[in-house]
Amino acid sequence: MPFVNEYVSYEDAEKYDLDNLWNKYDYCTILNMPELLNHYEVHQHAWCIDKEHGYWLFYCGFLRSENSVTGYPEPSDDEAFILHVNGQNIEFILSTYEIGTNDLYSRHYGWSIVSMSPSCLPNISREHLLTILKEALNVYKYNGIRDLEENAKTLIAFDF
């Protein structure tokens, strides 16, 4: 079964501690989880999941850059994702770059890897983990289940 975008059940959100995963990485919003969920149309976490294999991809938000012109922390272009494979969380810090638009896609951008930790798992190579990540990101696209309309107009590429 391939990856699909879904809202996370309350039980799974608690089981995988998604509130704290989000709060650990996202430095650009004023509110923390779970309070932030009240500002979404659906008050649940969202992820991209492959139920057959037990893999999931969870978006944790934009990171903060300490290297700003103003001297104060500012949002960066780097985004945090957690890829859950074989019971292990792999942290990916990714950056996007604009490729352009065309008649079919109003959004066309690419993903590049800033960091990956850990870089492999027992019995799973880095290359296989990157393949799983690409499969998930190809479904997640722009904003997962929270913006399916925009996802339909999005084309993504990878430089890894």
C-alpha atoms as a PDB file:
ATOM      1  CA  MET A   1       0.000   0.000   0.000  1.00  0.00           C
ATOM      2  CA  PRO A   2       1.434   3.393  -0.915  1.00  0.00           C
ATOM      3  CA  PHE A   3       1.682   6.494   1.213  1.00  0.00           C
ATOM      4  CA  VAL A   4      -1.489   8.518   1.788  1.00  0.00           C
ATOM      5  CA  ASN A   5      -2.106  11.861   3.486  1.00  0.00           C
ATOM      6  CA  GLU A   6      -4.251  11.482   6.607  1.00  0.00           C
ATOM      7  CA  TYR A   7      -5.212  13.095   9.845  1.00  0.00           C
ATOM      8  CA  VAL A   8      -3.632  11.323  12.784  1.00  0.00           C
ATOM      9  CA  SER A   9      -5.886   9.606  15.313  1.00  0.00           C
ATOM     10  CA  TYR A  10      -5.683  11.022  18.823  1.00  0.00           C
ATOM     11  CA  GLU A  11      -4.346   7.660  19.994  1.00  0.00           C
ATOM     12  CA  ASP A  12      -1.494   7.662  17.461  1.00  0.00           C
ATOM     13  CA  ALA A  13      -0.682  11.312  18.172  1.00  0.00           C
ATOM     14  CA  GLU A  14      -0.247  10.410  21.824  1.00  0.00           C
ATOM     15  CA  LYS A  15       1.549   7.096  21.116  1.00  0.00           C
ATOM     16  CA  TYR A  16       4.191   8.818  18.955  1.00  0.00           C
ATOM     17  CA  ASP A  17       4.271  12.010  21.069  1.00  0.00           C
ATOM     18  CA  LEU A  18       3.597  14.225  18.045  1.00  0.00           C
ATOM     19  CA  ASP A  19       2.919  17.349  20.144  1.00  0.00           C
ATOM     20  CA  ASN A  20       6.432  17.235  21.529  1.00  0.00           C
ATOM     21  CA  LEU A  21       7.968  16.346  18.163  1.00  0.00           C
ATOM     22  CA  TRP A  22       6.401  19.479  16.684  1.00  0.00           C
ATOM     23  CA  ASN A  23       7.352  21.658  19.647  1.00  0.00           C
ATOM     24  CA  LYS A  24      10.956  20.441  19.486  1.00  0.00           C
ATOM     25  CA  TYR A  25      11.458  21.754  15.951  1.00  0.00           C
ATOM     26  CA  ASP A  26       8.997  24.491  15.055  1.00  0.00           C
ATOM     27  CA  TYR A  27      10.324  27.828  16.244  1.00  0.00           C
ATOM     28  CA  CYS A  28       8.342  30.079  13.944  1.00  0.00           C
ATOM     29  CA  THR A  29       4.915  29.957  15.528  1.00  0.00           C
ATOM     30  CA  ILE A  30       3.940  31.677  18.727  1.00  0.00           C
ATOM     31  CA  LEU A  31       1.768  28.801  19.903  1.00  0.00           C
ATOM     32  CA  ASN A  32       2.917  25.306  20.796  1.00  0.00           C
ATOM     33  CA  MET A  33       1.061  22.053  20.316  1.00  0.00           C
ATOM     34  CA  PRO A  34      -1.563  21.086  21.272  1.00  0.00           C
ATOM     35  CA  GLU A  35      -2.940  24.670  21.421  1.00  0.00           C
ATOM     36  CA  LEU A  36      -1.891  25.309  17.815  1.00  0.00           C
ATOM     37  CA  LEU A  37      -4.181  22.519  16.579  1.00  0.00           C
ATOM     38  CA  ASN A  38      -7.169  24.732  17.439  1.00  0.00           C
ATOM     39  CA  HIS A  39      -6.133  27.080  14.615  1.00  0.00           C
ATOM     40  CA  TYR A  40      -6.485  24.398  11.942  1.00  0.00           C
ATOM     41  CA  GLU A  41      -9.789  23.579  10.277  1.00  0.00           C
ATOM     42  CA  VAL A  42      -9.405  19.993  11.519  1.00  0.00           C
ATOM     43  CA  HIS A  43      -8.024  19.988  15.068  1.00  0.00           C
ATOM     44  CA  GLN A  44      -5.773  16.949  14.580  1.00  0.00           C
ATOM     45  CA  HIS A  45      -2.184  16.340  13.547  1.00  0.00           C
ATOM     46  CA  ALA A  46      -1.606  15.321   9.935  1.00  0.00           C
ATOM     47  CA  TRP A  47       0.895  12.917   8.440  1.00  0.00           C
ATOM     48  CA  CYS A  48       1.691  10.935   5.330  1.00  0.00           C
ATOM     49  CA  ILE A  49       1.495   7.235   6.145  1.00  0.00           C
ATOM     50  CA  ASP A  50       2.184   3.868   4.551  1.00  0.00           C
ATOM     51  CA  LYS A  51       0.096   1.585   6.753  1.00  0.00           C
ATOM     52  CA  GLU A  52       1.285  -1.622   5.108  1.00  0.00           C
ATOM     53  CA  HIS A  53       4.899  -0.995   6.118  1.00  0.00           C
ATOM     54  CA  GLY A  54       4.207   1.078   9.240  1.00  0.00           C
ATOM     55  CA  TYR A  55       6.104   4.083   7.849  1.00  0.00           C
ATOM     56  CA  TRP A  56       5.025   7.676   8.361  1.00  0.00           C
ATOM     57  CA  LEU A  57       6.270  11.163   7.569  1.00  0.00           C
ATOM     58  CA  PHE A  58       5.463  13.989   9.972  1.00  0.00           C
ATOM     59  CA  TYR A  59       6.046  17.644   9.187  1.00  0.00           C
ATOM     60  CA  CYS A  60       7.476  19.553  12.165  1.00  0.00           C
ATOM     61  CA  GLY A  61       7.614  23.078  10.716  1.00  0.00           C
ATOM     62  CA  PHE A  62      10.207  25.684   9.806  1.00  0.00           C
ATOM     63  CA  LEU A  63      13.363  26.065  11.823  1.00  0.00           C
ATOM     64  CA  ARG A  64      14.731  29.299  13.193  1.00  0.00           C
ATOM     65  CA  SER A  65      17.939  30.871  11.984  1.00  0.00           C
ATOM     66  CA  GLU A  66      20.208  32.523  14.519  1.00  0.00           C
ATOM     67  CA  ASN A  67      22.241  34.091  11.687  1.00  0.00           C
ATOM     68  CA  SER A  68      19.996  36.995  10.724  1.00  0.00           C
ATOM     69  CA  VAL A  69      20.698  40.512   9.541  1.00  0.00           C
ATOM     70  CA  THR A  70      18.792  41.940  12.502  1.00  0.00           C
ATOM     71  CA  GLY A  71      20.696  39.883  15.054  1.00  0.00           C
ATOM     72  CA  TYR A  72      17.426  38.329  16.252  1.00  0.00           C
ATOM     73  CA  PRO A  73      16.296  34.787  15.411  1.00  0.00           C
ATOM     74  CA  GLU A  74      14.236  34.643  12.229  1.00  0.00           C
ATOM     75  CA  PRO A  75      12.485  31.884  10.307  1.00  0.00           C
ATOM     76  CA  SER A  76      14.806  29.974   8.009  1.00  0.00           C
ATOM     77  CA  ASP A  77      14.128  28.165   4.745  1.00  0.00           C
ATOM     78  CA  ASP A  78      14.885  24.858   6.454  1.00  0.00           C
ATOM     79  CA  GLU A  79      12.021  22.563   7.418  1.00  0.00           C
ATOM     80  CA  ALA A  80      12.031  19.590   9.783  1.00  0.00           C
ATOM     81  CA  PHE A  81      10.428  16.259   8.974  1.00  0.00           C
ATOM     82  CA  ILE A  82      10.400  12.999  10.912  1.00  0.00           C
ATOM     83  CA  LEU A  83      10.358   9.801   8.893  1.00  0.00           C
ATOM     84  CA  HIS A  84       9.340   6.848  11.065  1.00  0.00           C
ATOM     85  CA  VAL A  85      10.703   3.530   9.769  1.00  0.00           C
ATOM     86  CA  ASN A  86      10.873   0.207  11.630  1.00  0.00           C
ATOM     87  CA  GLY A  87      10.078   1.849  14.966  1.00  0.00           C
ATOM     88  CA  GLN A  88      12.832   4.463  14.581  1.00  0.00           C
ATOM     89  CA  ASN A  89      12.518   8.211  13.946  1.00  0.00           C
ATOM     90  CA  ILE A  90      14.855   9.657  11.339  1.00  0.00           C
ATOM     91  CA  GLU A  91      15.206  13.433  11.471  1.00  0.00           C
ATOM     92  CA  PHE A  92      15.414  15.166   8.108  1.00  0.00           C
ATOM     93  CA  ILE A  93      16.138  18.852   7.771  1.00  0.00           C
ATOM     94  CA  LEU A  94      15.172  19.811   4.231  1.00  0.00           C
ATOM     95  CA  SER A  95      15.342  22.979   2.211  1.00  0.00           C
ATOM     96  CA  THR A  96      13.244  23.912  -0.806  1.00  0.00           C
ATOM     97  CA  TYR A  97      14.149  25.818  -3.907  1.00  0.00           C
ATOM     98  CA  GLU A  98      11.844  27.268  -6.538  1.00  0.00           C
ATOM     99  CA  ILE A  99      11.993  25.707  -9.992  1.00  0.00           C
ATOM    100  CA  GLY A 100       9.185  27.709 -11.610  1.00  0.00           C
ATOM    101  CA  THR A 101       5.687  27.165 -12.891  1.00  0.00           C
ATOM    102  CA  ASN A 102       4.090  25.974 -16.102  1.00  0.00           C
ATOM    103  CA  ASP A 103       0.604  25.520 -17.542  1.00  0.00           C
ATOM    104  CA  LEU A 104      -0.046  22.338 -15.559  1.00  0.00           C
ATOM    105  CA  TYR A 105       1.563  23.179 -12.206  1.00  0.00           C
ATOM    106  CA  SER A 106       1.321  26.483 -10.360  1.00  0.00           C
ATOM    107  CA  ARG A 107       3.950  25.298  -7.849  1.00  0.00           C
ATOM    108  CA  HIS A 108       7.142  23.577  -8.944  1.00  0.00           C
ATOM    109  CA  TYR A 109       9.947  23.289  -6.447  1.00  0.00           C
ATOM    110  CA  GLY A 110      12.687  20.966  -5.336  1.00  0.00           C
ATOM    111  CA  TRP A 111      13.803  19.481  -2.047  1.00  0.00           C
ATOM    112  CA  SER A 112      17.396  19.227  -0.909  1.00  0.00           C
ATOM    113  CA  ILE A 113      18.771  17.597   2.231  1.00  0.00           C
ATOM    114  CA  VAL A 114      20.449  19.793   4.819  1.00  0.00           C
ATOM    115  CA  SER A 115      20.874  16.954   7.324  1.00  0.00           C
ATOM    116  CA  MET A 116      19.716  13.426   8.132  1.00  0.00           C
ATOM    117  CA  SER A 117      20.066  11.732  11.496  1.00  0.00           C
ATOM    118  CA  PRO A 118      20.651   8.845  11.784  1.00  0.00           C
ATOM    119  CA  SER A 119      21.928   8.341   8.247  1.00  0.00           C
ATOM    120  CA  CYS A 120      21.038   4.635   8.170  1.00  0.00           C
ATOM    121  CA  LEU A 121      19.332   1.963  10.252  1.00  0.00           C
ATOM    122  CA  PRO A 122      20.263  -1.663  10.938  1.00  0.00           C
ATOM    123  CA  ASN A 123      19.396  -3.556   7.742  1.00  0.00           C
ATOM    124  CA  ILE A 124      18.266  -0.373   5.923  1.00  0.00           C
ATOM    125  CA  SER A 125      20.726   1.625   3.869  1.00  0.00           C
ATOM    126  CA  ARG A 126      20.792   5.389   3.512  1.00  0.00           C
ATOM    127  CA  GLU A 127      19.738   4.993  -0.128  1.00  0.00           C
ATOM    128  CA  HIS A 128      16.673   2.954   0.828  1.00  0.00           C
ATOM    129  CA  LEU A 129      15.683   5.506   3.486  1.00  0.00           C
ATOM    130  CA  LEU A 130      15.986   8.271   0.878  1.00  0.00           C
ATOM    131  CA  THR A 131      13.761   6.270  -1.476  1.00  0.00           C
ATOM    132  CA  ILE A 132      11.131   5.973   1.270  1.00  0.00           C
ATOM    133  CA  LEU A 133      11.428   9.720   1.956  1.00  0.00           C
ATOM    134  CA  LYS A 134      10.943  10.541  -1.737  1.00  0.00           C
ATOM    135  CA  GLU A 135       7.882   8.289  -1.926  1.00  0.00           C
ATOM    136  CA  ALA A 136       6.360  10.044   1.074  1.00  0.00           C
ATOM    137  CA  LEU A 137       7.221  13.573  -0.120  1.00  0.00           C
ATOM    138  CA  ASN A 138       5.742  12.819  -3.545  1.00  0.00           C
ATOM    139  CA  VAL A 139       2.417  12.234  -1.799  1.00  0.00           C
ATOM    140  CA  TYR A 140       2.800  14.946   0.880  1.00  0.00           C
ATOM    141  CA  LYS A 141       3.692  17.543  -1.805  1.00  0.00           C
ATOM    142  CA  TYR A 142       2.878  21.033  -0.554  1.00  0.00           C
ATOM    143  CA  ASN A 143       1.004  20.616   2.708  1.00  0.00           C
ATOM    144  CA  GLY A 144      -0.306  17.071   3.002  1.00  0.00           C
ATOM    145  CA  ILE A 145      -3.984  16.570   3.699  1.00  0.00           C
ATOM    146  CA  ARG A 146      -4.401  20.167   4.867  1.00  0.00           C
ATOM    147  CA  ASP A 147      -4.242  21.494   1.281  1.00  0.00           C
ATOM    148  CA  LEU A 148      -5.204  18.829  -1.249  1.00  0.00           C
ATOM    149  CA  GLU A 149      -6.283  21.440  -3.809  1.00  0.00           C
ATOM    150  CA  GLU A 150      -2.832  23.065  -3.848  1.00  0.00           C
ATOM    151  CA  ASN A 151      -1.165  19.629  -3.844  1.00  0.00           C
ATOM    152  CA  ALA A 152      -2.920  18.821  -7.138  1.00  0.00           C
ATOM    153  CA  LYS A 153      -1.180  21.867  -8.690  1.00  0.00           C
ATOM    154  CA  THR A 154       2.252  21.020  -7.235  1.00  0.00           C
ATOM    155  CA  LEU A 155       5.175  19.281  -8.886  1.00  0.00           C
ATOM    156  CA  ILE A 156       8.233  18.460  -6.822  1.00  0.00           C
ATOM    157  CA  ALA A 157      11.757  17.341  -7.590  1.00  0.00           C
ATOM    158  CA  PHE A 158      14.696  16.110  -5.547  1.00  0.00           C
ATOM    159  CA  ASP A 159      18.405  16.805  -5.719  1.00  0.00           C
ATOM    160  CA  PHE A 160      19.271  13.737  -3.674  1.00  0.00           C
END
